[in-house]
N, C-alpha and C. Protein backbone atom coordinates (compact mmCIF):
# COMPACT_ATOMS: atom_id res chain seq x y z
N MET A 1 17.43 -19.40 -3.83
CA MET A 1 16.90 -18.55 -4.87
C MET A 1 15.38 -18.52 -4.74
N PRO A 2 14.78 -17.35 -4.76
CA PRO A 2 13.32 -17.26 -4.64
C PRO A 2 12.61 -18.06 -5.72
N LYS A 3 11.41 -18.51 -5.39
CA LYS A 3 10.63 -19.34 -6.30
C LYS A 3 9.27 -18.68 -6.52
N LYS A 4 9.01 -18.22 -7.74
CA LYS A 4 7.75 -17.57 -8.09
C LYS A 4 6.79 -18.61 -8.63
N ILE A 5 5.61 -18.70 -8.00
CA ILE A 5 4.63 -19.71 -8.39
C ILE A 5 3.28 -19.04 -8.61
N SER A 6 2.63 -19.40 -9.71
CA SER A 6 1.33 -18.82 -10.05
C SER A 6 0.23 -19.38 -9.17
N SER A 7 -0.68 -18.51 -8.81
CA SER A 7 -1.82 -18.88 -7.97
C SER A 7 -2.86 -19.66 -8.77
N PRO A 8 -3.44 -20.69 -8.18
CA PRO A 8 -4.50 -21.43 -8.85
C PRO A 8 -5.87 -20.78 -8.63
N SER A 9 -5.92 -19.71 -7.87
CA SER A 9 -7.18 -19.07 -7.51
C SER A 9 -7.67 -18.12 -8.60
N SER A 10 -8.91 -18.28 -9.01
CA SER A 10 -9.50 -17.35 -9.97
C SER A 10 -9.88 -16.04 -9.26
N ARG A 11 -10.11 -16.10 -7.98
CA ARG A 11 -10.46 -14.91 -7.20
C ARG A 11 -9.23 -14.02 -6.95
N TRP A 12 -8.06 -14.65 -6.71
CA TRP A 12 -6.82 -13.93 -6.46
C TRP A 12 -5.73 -14.43 -7.41
N PRO A 13 -5.85 -14.08 -8.69
CA PRO A 13 -4.83 -14.52 -9.64
C PRO A 13 -3.52 -13.76 -9.42
N GLY A 14 -2.49 -14.28 -9.97
CA GLY A 14 -1.17 -13.67 -9.84
C GLY A 14 -0.17 -14.71 -9.40
N ALA A 15 0.78 -14.26 -8.60
CA ALA A 15 1.83 -15.18 -8.15
C ALA A 15 2.27 -14.82 -6.74
N VAL A 16 2.96 -15.76 -6.13
CA VAL A 16 3.57 -15.56 -4.82
C VAL A 16 5.03 -15.97 -4.98
N ILE A 17 5.91 -15.18 -4.39
CA ILE A 17 7.33 -15.51 -4.44
C ILE A 17 7.73 -16.08 -3.08
N PHE A 18 8.08 -17.35 -3.09
CA PHE A 18 8.46 -18.07 -1.88
C PHE A 18 9.98 -18.06 -1.73
N SER A 19 10.45 -18.09 -0.50
CA SER A 19 11.87 -18.27 -0.25
C SER A 19 12.22 -19.72 -0.55
N GLU A 20 13.35 -19.92 -1.19
CA GLU A 20 13.83 -21.28 -1.41
C GLU A 20 15.34 -21.23 -1.58
N PRO A 21 16.07 -21.86 -0.70
CA PRO A 21 15.61 -22.67 0.42
C PRO A 21 15.13 -21.78 1.57
N LEU A 22 14.43 -22.39 2.51
CA LEU A 22 14.01 -21.68 3.70
C LEU A 22 15.21 -21.48 4.61
N ASN A 23 15.26 -20.33 5.28
CA ASN A 23 16.32 -20.14 6.27
C ASN A 23 15.85 -20.74 7.60
N MET A 24 16.69 -20.73 8.60
CA MET A 24 16.37 -21.38 9.88
C MET A 24 15.14 -20.74 10.53
N SER A 25 15.04 -19.41 10.49
CA SER A 25 13.88 -18.74 11.09
C SER A 25 12.59 -19.15 10.39
N GLN A 26 12.63 -19.24 9.08
CA GLN A 26 11.44 -19.64 8.33
C GLN A 26 11.06 -21.09 8.63
N ALA A 27 12.04 -21.97 8.65
CA ALA A 27 11.77 -23.38 8.95
C ALA A 27 11.19 -23.53 10.35
N LEU A 28 11.73 -22.78 11.29
CA LEU A 28 11.23 -22.84 12.66
C LEU A 28 9.79 -22.33 12.73
N ALA A 29 9.48 -21.25 12.03
CA ALA A 29 8.12 -20.71 12.02
C ALA A 29 7.15 -21.74 11.42
N TRP A 30 7.57 -22.42 10.35
CA TRP A 30 6.72 -23.43 9.73
C TRP A 30 6.53 -24.62 10.65
N GLU A 31 7.61 -25.10 11.29
CA GLU A 31 7.49 -26.23 12.21
C GLU A 31 6.59 -25.89 13.40
N ARG A 32 6.71 -24.69 13.92
CA ARG A 32 5.85 -24.27 15.05
C ARG A 32 4.38 -24.22 14.62
N ALA A 33 4.14 -23.74 13.42
CA ALA A 33 2.76 -23.69 12.92
C ALA A 33 2.19 -25.10 12.78
N ILE A 34 2.97 -26.00 12.26
CA ILE A 34 2.52 -27.40 12.12
C ILE A 34 2.22 -28.00 13.50
N ARG A 35 3.13 -27.80 14.44
CA ARG A 35 2.91 -28.34 15.80
C ARG A 35 1.66 -27.75 16.44
N ALA A 36 1.41 -26.47 16.20
CA ALA A 36 0.21 -25.83 16.77
C ALA A 36 -1.05 -26.49 16.24
N THR A 37 -1.07 -26.82 14.95
CA THR A 37 -2.27 -27.46 14.39
C THR A 37 -2.42 -28.89 14.90
N GLN A 38 -1.31 -29.55 15.15
CA GLN A 38 -1.38 -30.92 15.65
C GLN A 38 -1.93 -30.98 17.08
N ALA A 39 -1.85 -29.86 17.79
CA ALA A 39 -2.32 -29.82 19.17
C ALA A 39 -3.82 -29.54 19.26
N ILE A 40 -4.46 -29.25 18.13
CA ILE A 40 -5.89 -28.96 18.15
C ILE A 40 -6.67 -30.23 18.43
N THR A 41 -7.51 -30.18 19.43
CA THR A 41 -8.38 -31.32 19.70
C THR A 41 -9.81 -31.01 19.27
N GLU A 42 -10.14 -29.73 19.21
CA GLU A 42 -11.44 -29.30 18.73
C GLU A 42 -11.21 -28.05 17.90
N GLY A 43 -12.07 -27.83 16.95
CA GLY A 43 -11.94 -26.62 16.15
C GLY A 43 -12.38 -26.86 14.72
N THR A 44 -12.27 -25.81 13.95
CA THR A 44 -12.70 -25.85 12.56
C THR A 44 -11.48 -25.77 11.64
N SER A 45 -11.74 -25.89 10.37
CA SER A 45 -10.65 -25.73 9.40
C SER A 45 -10.11 -24.30 9.46
N THR A 46 -10.95 -23.34 9.79
CA THR A 46 -10.49 -21.96 9.92
C THR A 46 -9.53 -21.83 11.09
N ASP A 47 -9.76 -22.54 12.17
CA ASP A 47 -8.83 -22.54 13.30
C ASP A 47 -7.46 -23.05 12.86
N ALA A 48 -7.45 -24.16 12.14
CA ALA A 48 -6.19 -24.73 11.67
C ALA A 48 -5.48 -23.79 10.72
N GLU A 49 -6.22 -23.19 9.81
CA GLU A 49 -5.62 -22.24 8.87
C GLU A 49 -5.01 -21.06 9.61
N ALA A 50 -5.70 -20.56 10.62
CA ALA A 50 -5.20 -19.42 11.39
C ALA A 50 -3.89 -19.76 12.09
N MET A 51 -3.71 -21.01 12.46
CA MET A 51 -2.46 -21.43 13.09
C MET A 51 -1.34 -21.63 12.08
N LEU A 52 -1.69 -22.02 10.85
CA LEU A 52 -0.70 -22.27 9.81
C LEU A 52 -0.24 -20.99 9.10
N LEU A 53 -1.13 -20.02 8.99
CA LEU A 53 -0.81 -18.83 8.21
C LEU A 53 0.45 -18.09 8.66
N PRO A 54 0.70 -17.89 9.95
CA PRO A 54 1.95 -17.21 10.33
C PRO A 54 3.20 -17.95 9.84
N GLY A 55 3.16 -19.26 9.84
CA GLY A 55 4.27 -20.05 9.31
C GLY A 55 4.41 -19.89 7.81
N ILE A 56 3.29 -19.78 7.13
CA ILE A 56 3.30 -19.56 5.68
C ILE A 56 3.84 -18.17 5.38
N PHE A 57 3.32 -17.16 6.09
CA PHE A 57 3.77 -15.78 5.86
C PHE A 57 5.27 -15.64 6.00
N ALA A 58 5.85 -16.37 6.94
CA ALA A 58 7.30 -16.30 7.18
C ALA A 58 8.10 -16.80 5.98
N CYS A 59 7.49 -17.62 5.15
CA CYS A 59 8.19 -18.26 4.02
C CYS A 59 7.97 -17.56 2.68
N ILE A 60 7.26 -16.44 2.71
CA ILE A 60 6.94 -15.73 1.47
C ILE A 60 7.74 -14.44 1.40
N ASP A 61 8.41 -14.24 0.28
CA ASP A 61 9.18 -13.02 0.05
C ASP A 61 8.32 -11.89 -0.48
N LYS A 62 7.36 -12.23 -1.35
CA LYS A 62 6.55 -11.19 -1.97
C LYS A 62 5.22 -11.75 -2.46
N TRP A 63 4.18 -10.96 -2.28
CA TRP A 63 2.85 -11.30 -2.76
C TRP A 63 2.58 -10.50 -4.03
N GLU A 64 2.11 -11.16 -5.06
CA GLU A 64 1.73 -10.50 -6.30
C GLU A 64 0.35 -10.98 -6.74
N LEU A 65 -0.57 -11.05 -5.78
CA LEU A 65 -1.92 -11.52 -6.07
C LEU A 65 -2.87 -10.33 -6.21
N GLU A 66 -3.67 -10.34 -7.27
CA GLU A 66 -4.64 -9.28 -7.48
C GLU A 66 -5.61 -9.22 -6.31
N GLY A 67 -5.86 -8.02 -5.84
CA GLY A 67 -6.80 -7.84 -4.75
C GLY A 67 -6.19 -7.93 -3.36
N LEU A 68 -4.90 -8.28 -3.27
CA LEU A 68 -4.23 -8.35 -1.97
C LEU A 68 -3.08 -7.35 -1.97
N PRO A 69 -2.77 -6.80 -0.80
CA PRO A 69 -1.63 -5.88 -0.72
C PRO A 69 -0.31 -6.62 -0.86
N GLU A 70 0.77 -5.89 -1.04
CA GLU A 70 2.09 -6.51 -1.17
C GLU A 70 2.54 -7.17 0.13
N THR A 71 2.08 -6.66 1.25
CA THR A 71 2.38 -7.25 2.55
C THR A 71 1.09 -7.83 3.10
N VAL A 72 1.07 -9.13 3.26
CA VAL A 72 -0.13 -9.83 3.73
C VAL A 72 0.14 -10.37 5.12
N ASP A 73 -0.85 -10.20 6.01
CA ASP A 73 -0.75 -10.74 7.36
C ASP A 73 -2.15 -11.15 7.81
N MET A 74 -2.28 -11.48 9.07
CA MET A 74 -3.57 -11.96 9.59
C MET A 74 -4.67 -10.90 9.51
N THR A 75 -4.30 -9.64 9.48
CA THR A 75 -5.32 -8.59 9.45
C THR A 75 -5.89 -8.35 8.06
N ASN A 76 -5.20 -8.80 7.01
CA ASN A 76 -5.71 -8.54 5.67
C ASN A 76 -5.76 -9.78 4.76
N PHE A 77 -5.46 -10.95 5.31
CA PHE A 77 -5.59 -12.17 4.53
C PHE A 77 -7.07 -12.49 4.38
N PRO A 78 -7.55 -12.78 3.17
CA PRO A 78 -8.99 -12.99 2.97
C PRO A 78 -9.50 -14.30 3.56
N ALA A 79 -10.57 -14.18 4.33
CA ALA A 79 -11.21 -15.37 4.91
C ALA A 79 -12.50 -15.72 4.17
N SER A 80 -12.90 -14.87 3.25
CA SER A 80 -14.09 -15.14 2.46
C SER A 80 -13.92 -14.51 1.08
N PRO A 81 -14.58 -15.01 0.08
CA PRO A 81 -15.50 -16.14 0.14
C PRO A 81 -14.75 -17.41 0.57
N ARG A 82 -15.40 -18.19 1.41
CA ARG A 82 -14.76 -19.30 2.10
C ARG A 82 -14.13 -20.33 1.18
N ARG A 83 -14.84 -20.72 0.14
CA ARG A 83 -14.30 -21.75 -0.75
C ARG A 83 -13.00 -21.28 -1.42
N GLU A 84 -12.98 -20.06 -1.92
CA GLU A 84 -11.78 -19.53 -2.57
C GLU A 84 -10.66 -19.30 -1.57
N SER A 85 -11.01 -18.84 -0.37
CA SER A 85 -9.99 -18.64 0.67
C SER A 85 -9.34 -19.97 1.04
N ALA A 86 -10.17 -21.00 1.22
CA ALA A 86 -9.64 -22.32 1.57
C ALA A 86 -8.76 -22.87 0.45
N LYS A 87 -9.15 -22.62 -0.79
CA LYS A 87 -8.34 -23.06 -1.93
C LYS A 87 -6.98 -22.37 -1.92
N LEU A 88 -6.98 -21.08 -1.62
CA LEU A 88 -5.73 -20.31 -1.55
C LEU A 88 -4.84 -20.83 -0.44
N VAL A 89 -5.40 -21.05 0.74
CA VAL A 89 -4.62 -21.55 1.87
C VAL A 89 -4.07 -22.94 1.57
N SER A 90 -4.90 -23.79 1.00
CA SER A 90 -4.46 -25.15 0.67
C SER A 90 -3.27 -25.11 -0.29
N TRP A 91 -3.34 -24.27 -1.28
CA TRP A 91 -2.23 -24.13 -2.23
C TRP A 91 -0.97 -23.65 -1.53
N LEU A 92 -1.09 -22.63 -0.68
CA LEU A 92 0.06 -22.10 0.05
C LEU A 92 0.68 -23.17 0.95
N ILE A 93 -0.16 -23.93 1.64
CA ILE A 93 0.34 -25.02 2.49
C ILE A 93 1.13 -26.02 1.65
N GLY A 94 0.59 -26.40 0.52
CA GLY A 94 1.26 -27.36 -0.34
C GLY A 94 2.61 -26.87 -0.83
N GLU A 95 2.68 -25.59 -1.20
CA GLU A 95 3.94 -25.03 -1.71
C GLU A 95 4.99 -24.94 -0.60
N VAL A 96 4.61 -24.46 0.57
CA VAL A 96 5.58 -24.36 1.67
C VAL A 96 6.02 -25.76 2.09
N THR A 97 5.10 -26.69 2.17
CA THR A 97 5.45 -28.07 2.52
C THR A 97 6.44 -28.65 1.53
N SER A 98 6.21 -28.40 0.26
CA SER A 98 7.09 -28.90 -0.78
C SER A 98 8.50 -28.31 -0.67
N ILE A 99 8.58 -27.02 -0.43
CA ILE A 99 9.88 -26.37 -0.27
C ILE A 99 10.58 -26.89 0.99
N TYR A 100 9.84 -26.97 2.10
CA TYR A 100 10.41 -27.41 3.37
C TYR A 100 10.93 -28.86 3.28
N ALA A 101 10.12 -29.71 2.67
CA ALA A 101 10.48 -31.13 2.59
C ALA A 101 11.52 -31.41 1.51
N GLY A 102 11.72 -30.44 0.62
CA GLY A 102 12.68 -30.64 -0.45
C GLY A 102 12.10 -31.39 -1.63
N THR A 103 10.78 -31.39 -1.75
CA THR A 103 10.17 -32.11 -2.86
C THR A 103 9.80 -31.18 -4.01
N ALA A 104 10.12 -29.88 -3.88
CA ALA A 104 9.85 -28.94 -4.97
C ALA A 104 10.73 -29.31 -6.16
N GLU A 105 10.19 -29.12 -7.33
CA GLU A 105 10.99 -29.40 -8.53
C GLU A 105 12.21 -28.50 -8.55
N VAL A 106 13.34 -29.09 -8.84
CA VAL A 106 14.58 -28.34 -8.92
C VAL A 106 14.91 -28.17 -10.39
N GLU A 107 15.13 -26.91 -10.79
CA GLU A 107 15.45 -26.64 -12.19
C GLU A 107 16.89 -27.07 -12.46
N ASP A 108 17.09 -27.72 -13.59
CA ASP A 108 18.42 -28.14 -14.00
C ASP A 108 19.10 -26.95 -14.67
N PRO A 109 20.20 -26.42 -14.08
CA PRO A 109 20.84 -25.25 -14.67
C PRO A 109 21.44 -25.54 -16.03
N ASN A 110 21.61 -26.80 -16.36
CA ASN A 110 22.19 -27.18 -17.67
C ASN A 110 21.11 -27.55 -18.68
N GLY A 111 19.85 -27.58 -18.19
CA GLY A 111 18.76 -28.05 -19.03
C GLY A 111 18.16 -27.00 -19.83
């Protein structure tokens, strides 16, 4: 069942709808992105983010963030202002990691 989560970014408020659970293609895209970042011996945080974003994009069903189109990819994902962009990426990484690892809060259907 998709999981809608509110953005912590004041620059791009709204929500993102993540797939949950991830399907095999999504999990593979996320694992490949993680492995790509682990192979970096030199580079910046922007390099690492650029390697992780395709794995993140694969795990998102819909974008509902102000100022971003409904379909987000490497050509239109915001890289600046840097602090807000990094905050957005960090949040997305945390959410995908949580879903992938199974640590996302599970709603009790009887609760």
